[in-house]
Amino acid sequence: MEGQNCLECGTAFKGRIDKKFCSDYCRNTFNNKVNKESKNMIRNVNYRLRKNYKTLSELNKSGKTKVTRVKMISNNFDFNVFTSIYTTKTGNTYYYVYDQGYLALENDYYLLVKSE
């Protein structure tokens, strides 16, 4: 059986013909590098969702609150990140971050709601 070289560190090793790495450490290191970009994107989106959820929870202690857009932005709220959209029969569109939602009202006000 001819030896092959590890895809991560380049060390020569012997083993099964389809083996690509000399150790579990090299295999994990290689795969972590390959998946780094997609994992970073997911990590960043989850971080922004957690931040938005925290902001909505802190501003909406009673379960239904009216706040200004400025107040939400001053609490680092990101209007581009949410988990779902719900449109009522009357055409109102609520944006949700898990169970915390908001509805745009007139004059840059938002109604914050918590779903049951």
N, C-alpha and C. Protein backbone atom coordinates (compact mmCIF):
# COMPACT_ATOMS: atom_id res chain seq x y z
N MET A 1 0.85 -1.18 0.00
CA MET A 1 0.00 0.00 0.00
C MET A 1 0.89 1.24 0.00
N GLU A 2 0.60 2.13 -0.90
CA GLU A 2 1.37 3.36 -1.02
C GLU A 2 0.83 4.40 -0.05
N GLY A 3 1.71 5.23 0.51
CA GLY A 3 1.29 6.27 1.45
C GLY A 3 0.71 7.47 0.72
N GLN A 4 -0.05 8.24 1.42
CA GLN A 4 -0.57 9.47 0.87
C GLN A 4 -0.21 10.63 1.80
N ASN A 5 -0.47 11.85 1.36
CA ASN A 5 -0.17 13.02 2.17
C ASN A 5 -1.46 13.62 2.72
N CYS A 6 -1.40 14.06 3.96
CA CYS A 6 -2.53 14.68 4.66
C CYS A 6 -2.91 15.98 3.94
N LEU A 7 -4.21 16.16 3.69
CA LEU A 7 -4.69 17.38 3.03
C LEU A 7 -4.48 18.63 3.87
N GLU A 8 -4.38 18.47 5.19
CA GLU A 8 -4.23 19.63 6.07
C GLU A 8 -2.76 19.99 6.29
N CYS A 9 -1.97 19.03 6.78
CA CYS A 9 -0.59 19.37 7.16
C CYS A 9 0.46 18.88 6.18
N GLY A 10 0.08 18.01 5.24
CA GLY A 10 1.01 17.53 4.23
C GLY A 10 1.86 16.35 4.67
N THR A 11 1.71 15.90 5.89
CA THR A 11 2.48 14.77 6.40
C THR A 11 2.10 13.48 5.66
N ALA A 12 3.13 12.69 5.33
CA ALA A 12 2.87 11.39 4.69
C ALA A 12 2.35 10.42 5.74
N PHE A 13 1.38 9.60 5.36
CA PHE A 13 0.84 8.61 6.28
C PHE A 13 0.37 7.40 5.49
N LYS A 14 0.17 6.29 6.19
CA LYS A 14 -0.35 5.07 5.57
C LYS A 14 -1.72 4.80 6.13
N GLY A 15 -2.54 4.16 5.33
CA GLY A 15 -3.90 3.84 5.78
C GLY A 15 -4.74 3.44 4.60
N ARG A 16 -6.04 3.45 4.81
CA ARG A 16 -6.96 3.09 3.73
C ARG A 16 -6.72 3.98 2.53
N ILE A 17 -7.03 3.47 1.37
CA ILE A 17 -6.79 4.19 0.12
C ILE A 17 -7.59 5.50 0.05
N ASP A 18 -8.76 5.54 0.71
CA ASP A 18 -9.60 6.74 0.65
C ASP A 18 -9.37 7.70 1.83
N LYS A 19 -8.42 7.37 2.69
CA LYS A 19 -8.13 8.23 3.83
C LYS A 19 -7.43 9.51 3.35
N LYS A 20 -7.84 10.68 3.87
CA LYS A 20 -7.32 11.95 3.40
C LYS A 20 -6.50 12.70 4.45
N PHE A 21 -6.63 12.32 5.71
CA PHE A 21 -5.99 13.05 6.80
C PHE A 21 -5.21 12.10 7.69
N CYS A 22 -4.14 12.64 8.29
CA CYS A 22 -3.30 11.81 9.15
C CYS A 22 -3.90 11.64 10.55
N SER A 23 -4.81 12.54 10.96
CA SER A 23 -5.39 12.47 12.30
C SER A 23 -6.75 13.14 12.33
N ASP A 24 -7.50 12.90 13.41
CA ASP A 24 -8.78 13.58 13.61
C ASP A 24 -8.58 15.08 13.72
N TYR A 25 -7.49 15.50 14.37
CA TYR A 25 -7.19 16.92 14.52
C TYR A 25 -7.09 17.59 13.14
N CYS A 26 -6.31 16.99 12.23
CA CYS A 26 -6.14 17.58 10.89
C CYS A 26 -7.46 17.56 10.12
N ARG A 27 -8.24 16.50 10.25
CA ARG A 27 -9.54 16.42 9.57
C ARG A 27 -10.46 17.53 10.06
N ASN A 28 -10.54 17.72 11.38
CA ASN A 28 -11.40 18.77 11.95
C ASN A 28 -10.91 20.16 11.56
N THR A 29 -9.61 20.39 11.61
CA THR A 29 -9.05 21.69 11.25
C THR A 29 -9.37 22.02 9.79
N PHE A 30 -9.17 21.05 8.90
CA PHE A 30 -9.45 21.24 7.48
C PHE A 30 -10.93 21.57 7.26
N ASN A 31 -11.83 20.78 7.85
CA ASN A 31 -13.26 21.00 7.66
C ASN A 31 -13.74 22.31 8.27
N ASN A 32 -13.15 22.72 9.39
CA ASN A 32 -13.51 24.01 9.99
C ASN A 32 -13.12 25.16 9.06
N LYS A 33 -11.97 25.04 8.40
CA LYS A 33 -11.55 26.09 7.45
C LYS A 33 -12.50 26.14 6.26
N VAL A 34 -12.89 24.99 5.76
CA VAL A 34 -13.77 24.90 4.59
C VAL A 34 -15.14 25.52 4.91
N ASN A 35 -15.65 25.27 6.12
CA ASN A 35 -17.00 25.73 6.49
C ASN A 35 -17.01 27.09 7.19
N LYS A 36 -15.85 27.73 7.29
CA LYS A 36 -15.73 28.96 8.08
C LYS A 36 -16.68 30.06 7.62
N GLU A 37 -16.74 30.33 6.32
CA GLU A 37 -17.56 31.44 5.82
C GLU A 37 -19.04 31.24 6.11
N SER A 38 -19.57 30.05 5.83
CA SER A 38 -21.00 29.83 6.07
C SER A 38 -21.30 29.84 7.56
N LYS A 39 -20.40 29.32 8.39
CA LYS A 39 -20.61 29.35 9.83
C LYS A 39 -20.57 30.77 10.36
N ASN A 40 -19.67 31.60 9.82
CA ASN A 40 -19.60 33.00 10.25
C ASN A 40 -20.87 33.75 9.89
N MET A 41 -21.41 33.50 8.70
CA MET A 41 -22.63 34.16 8.29
C MET A 41 -23.78 33.78 9.22
N ILE A 42 -23.91 32.50 9.53
CA ILE A 42 -24.96 32.03 10.43
C ILE A 42 -24.77 32.62 11.82
N ARG A 43 -23.55 32.63 12.30
CA ARG A 43 -23.24 33.18 13.62
C ARG A 43 -23.61 34.66 13.68
N ASN A 44 -23.30 35.42 12.63
CA ASN A 44 -23.61 36.85 12.59
C ASN A 44 -25.11 37.11 12.56
N VAL A 45 -25.85 36.34 11.77
CA VAL A 45 -27.30 36.52 11.70
C VAL A 45 -27.93 36.16 13.05
N ASN A 46 -27.49 35.07 13.66
CA ASN A 46 -28.03 34.68 14.97
C ASN A 46 -27.73 35.74 16.03
N TYR A 47 -26.56 36.34 15.96
CA TYR A 47 -26.20 37.41 16.89
C TYR A 47 -27.15 38.60 16.72
N ARG A 48 -27.42 38.98 15.48
CA ARG A 48 -28.31 40.11 15.21
C ARG A 48 -29.74 39.79 15.62
N LEU A 49 -30.19 38.54 15.43
CA LEU A 49 -31.53 38.13 15.88
C LEU A 49 -31.64 38.21 17.40
N ARG A 50 -30.62 37.72 18.10
CA ARG A 50 -30.62 37.78 19.57
C ARG A 50 -30.68 39.23 20.05
N LYS A 51 -29.92 40.10 19.39
CA LYS A 51 -29.90 41.52 19.75
C LYS A 51 -31.28 42.15 19.53
N ASN A 52 -31.89 41.87 18.39
CA ASN A 52 -33.23 42.39 18.10
C ASN A 52 -34.25 41.87 19.11
N TYR A 53 -34.16 40.58 19.43
CA TYR A 53 -35.09 39.98 20.38
C TYR A 53 -34.96 40.65 21.75
N LYS A 54 -33.73 40.86 22.16
CA LYS A 54 -33.47 41.52 23.45
C LYS A 54 -34.06 42.93 23.46
N THR A 55 -33.85 43.68 22.39
CA THR A 55 -34.39 45.04 22.29
C THR A 55 -35.91 45.04 22.37
N LEU A 56 -36.56 44.18 21.59
CA LEU A 56 -38.03 44.11 21.61
C LEU A 56 -38.54 43.71 22.98
N SER A 57 -37.90 42.74 23.62
CA SER A 57 -38.31 42.28 24.95
C SER A 57 -38.18 43.38 25.99
N GLU A 58 -37.09 44.13 25.91
CA GLU A 58 -36.87 45.20 26.89
C GLU A 58 -37.83 46.37 26.70
N LEU A 59 -38.16 46.68 25.45
CA LEU A 59 -39.06 47.80 25.18
C LEU A 59 -40.53 47.43 25.37
N ASN A 60 -40.84 46.14 25.34
CA ASN A 60 -42.22 45.67 25.40
C ASN A 60 -42.45 44.81 26.64
N LYS A 61 -42.37 45.41 27.80
CA LYS A 61 -42.55 44.68 29.06
C LYS A 61 -43.99 44.23 29.27
N SER A 62 -44.95 45.00 28.76
CA SER A 62 -46.37 44.70 29.04
C SER A 62 -47.01 43.76 28.03
N GLY A 63 -46.34 43.47 26.94
CA GLY A 63 -46.92 42.61 25.90
C GLY A 63 -47.51 43.37 24.74
N LYS A 64 -47.75 44.69 24.94
CA LYS A 64 -48.27 45.55 23.87
C LYS A 64 -47.85 46.97 24.21
N THR A 65 -46.96 47.54 23.39
CA THR A 65 -46.39 48.86 23.68
C THR A 65 -46.22 49.64 22.38
N LYS A 66 -46.32 50.96 22.49
CA LYS A 66 -46.10 51.84 21.34
C LYS A 66 -44.78 52.58 21.57
N VAL A 67 -43.87 52.51 20.58
CA VAL A 67 -42.57 53.19 20.68
C VAL A 67 -42.24 53.87 19.36
N THR A 68 -41.26 54.77 19.42
CA THR A 68 -40.83 55.46 18.21
C THR A 68 -39.73 54.67 17.51
N ARG A 69 -39.60 54.93 16.23
CA ARG A 69 -38.52 54.33 15.44
C ARG A 69 -37.16 54.74 16.02
N VAL A 70 -37.05 56.00 16.42
CA VAL A 70 -35.80 56.50 16.99
C VAL A 70 -35.41 55.71 18.24
N LYS A 71 -36.40 55.40 19.08
CA LYS A 71 -36.15 54.62 20.30
C LYS A 71 -35.63 53.23 19.95
N MET A 72 -36.21 52.61 18.94
CA MET A 72 -35.77 51.27 18.52
C MET A 72 -34.35 51.33 17.97
N ILE A 73 -34.08 52.31 17.12
CA ILE A 73 -32.75 52.44 16.52
C ILE A 73 -31.71 52.77 17.58
N SER A 74 -32.08 53.62 18.56
CA SER A 74 -31.13 53.96 19.62
C SER A 74 -30.78 52.74 20.48
N ASN A 75 -31.63 51.71 20.41
CA ASN A 75 -31.35 50.45 21.10
C ASN A 75 -30.73 49.43 20.13
N ASN A 76 -30.15 49.93 19.04
CA ASN A 76 -29.44 49.10 18.05
C ASN A 76 -30.33 48.08 17.35
N PHE A 77 -31.60 48.40 17.16
CA PHE A 77 -32.50 47.49 16.46
C PHE A 77 -32.19 47.52 14.97
N ASP A 78 -32.14 46.34 14.35
CA ASP A 78 -31.88 46.20 12.93
C ASP A 78 -33.17 45.75 12.23
N PHE A 79 -33.80 46.64 11.49
CA PHE A 79 -35.08 46.35 10.85
C PHE A 79 -34.96 45.34 9.70
N ASN A 80 -33.75 44.99 9.31
CA ASN A 80 -33.55 44.03 8.21
C ASN A 80 -33.51 42.58 8.67
N VAL A 81 -33.52 42.37 9.99
CA VAL A 81 -33.36 41.00 10.50
C VAL A 81 -34.58 40.63 11.34
N PHE A 82 -35.32 39.62 10.88
CA PHE A 82 -36.49 39.12 11.59
C PHE A 82 -36.70 37.67 11.20
N THR A 83 -37.56 36.96 11.94
CA THR A 83 -37.74 35.53 11.68
C THR A 83 -38.99 35.22 10.86
N SER A 84 -40.01 36.09 10.94
CA SER A 84 -41.23 35.81 10.16
C SER A 84 -42.04 37.09 9.95
N ILE A 85 -42.97 36.99 9.00
CA ILE A 85 -43.88 38.09 8.68
C ILE A 85 -45.30 37.54 8.76
N TYR A 86 -46.17 38.32 9.37
CA TYR A 86 -47.58 37.94 9.44
C TYR A 86 -48.43 39.10 8.93
N THR A 87 -49.26 38.85 7.93
CA THR A 87 -50.16 39.87 7.39
C THR A 87 -51.58 39.52 7.80
N THR A 88 -52.25 40.49 8.43
CA THR A 88 -53.63 40.27 8.89
C THR A 88 -54.60 40.36 7.71
N LYS A 89 -55.85 39.99 7.97
CA LYS A 89 -56.89 40.07 6.94
C LYS A 89 -57.11 41.51 6.48
N THR A 90 -56.84 42.45 7.38
CA THR A 90 -57.03 43.88 7.05
C THR A 90 -55.80 44.47 6.35
N GLY A 91 -54.76 43.68 6.16
CA GLY A 91 -53.58 44.13 5.43
C GLY A 91 -52.45 44.68 6.26
N ASN A 92 -52.56 44.62 7.60
CA ASN A 92 -51.46 45.04 8.47
C ASN A 92 -50.36 43.99 8.46
N THR A 93 -49.12 44.43 8.34
CA THR A 93 -47.99 43.50 8.29
C THR A 93 -47.16 43.60 9.56
N TYR A 94 -47.13 42.51 10.30
CA TYR A 94 -46.33 42.41 11.52
C TYR A 94 -45.04 41.66 11.19
N TYR A 95 -43.93 42.16 11.72
CA TYR A 95 -42.64 41.50 11.58
C TYR A 95 -42.29 40.91 12.94
N TYR A 96 -41.87 39.66 12.94
CA TYR A 96 -41.58 38.97 14.21
C TYR A 96 -40.11 38.57 14.31
N VAL A 97 -39.61 38.66 15.53
CA VAL A 97 -38.35 38.03 15.92
C VAL A 97 -38.79 37.02 16.97
N TYR A 98 -38.96 35.78 16.52
CA TYR A 98 -39.53 34.71 17.33
C TYR A 98 -40.93 35.11 17.79
N ASP A 99 -41.17 35.31 19.08
CA ASP A 99 -42.52 35.65 19.54
C ASP A 99 -42.71 37.15 19.79
N GLN A 100 -41.70 37.94 19.53
CA GLN A 100 -41.79 39.39 19.70
C GLN A 100 -42.00 40.03 18.32
N GLY A 101 -43.08 40.81 18.19
CA GLY A 101 -43.39 41.39 16.89
C GLY A 101 -43.52 42.90 16.93
N TYR A 102 -43.55 43.49 15.74
CA TYR A 102 -43.76 44.94 15.63
C TYR A 102 -44.52 45.26 14.35
N LEU A 103 -45.31 46.32 14.45
CA LEU A 103 -46.14 46.79 13.34
C LEU A 103 -45.86 48.27 13.15
N ALA A 104 -45.56 48.67 11.92
CA ALA A 104 -45.32 50.09 11.63
C ALA A 104 -46.64 50.84 11.69
N LEU A 105 -46.65 51.94 12.44
CA LEU A 105 -47.81 52.82 12.55
C LEU A 105 -47.48 54.14 11.85
N GLU A 106 -48.34 55.11 11.98
CA GLU A 106 -48.07 56.43 11.38
C GLU A 106 -47.05 57.20 12.21
N ASN A 107 -46.45 58.20 11.57
CA ASN A 107 -45.52 59.14 12.22
C ASN A 107 -44.32 58.46 12.89
N ASP A 108 -43.79 57.44 12.26
CA ASP A 108 -42.61 56.73 12.75
C ASP A 108 -42.80 56.10 14.13
N TYR A 109 -44.01 55.65 14.40
CA TYR A 109 -44.28 54.89 15.61
C TYR A 109 -44.42 53.41 15.25
N TYR A 110 -44.16 52.56 16.23
CA TYR A 110 -44.31 51.12 16.05
C TYR A 110 -45.09 50.56 17.23
N LEU A 111 -45.96 49.61 16.93
CA LEU A 111 -46.67 48.88 17.96
C LEU A 111 -45.89 47.59 18.19
N LEU A 112 -45.43 47.39 19.41
CA LEU A 112 -44.72 46.16 19.76
C LEU A 112 -45.71 45.20 20.40
N VAL A 113 -45.67 43.95 19.98
CA VAL A 113 -46.58 42.94 20.51
C VAL A 113 -45.81 41.67 20.82
N LYS A 114 -46.39 40.90 21.72
CA LYS A 114 -45.83 39.57 22.00
C LYS A 114 -46.91 38.56 21.72
N SER A 115 -46.60 37.57 20.88
CA SER A 115 -47.62 36.55 20.55
C SER A 115 -47.68 35.53 21.67
N GLU A 116 -48.83 34.95 21.82
CA GLU A 116 -49.05 33.97 22.89
C GLU A 116 -48.53 32.62 22.51
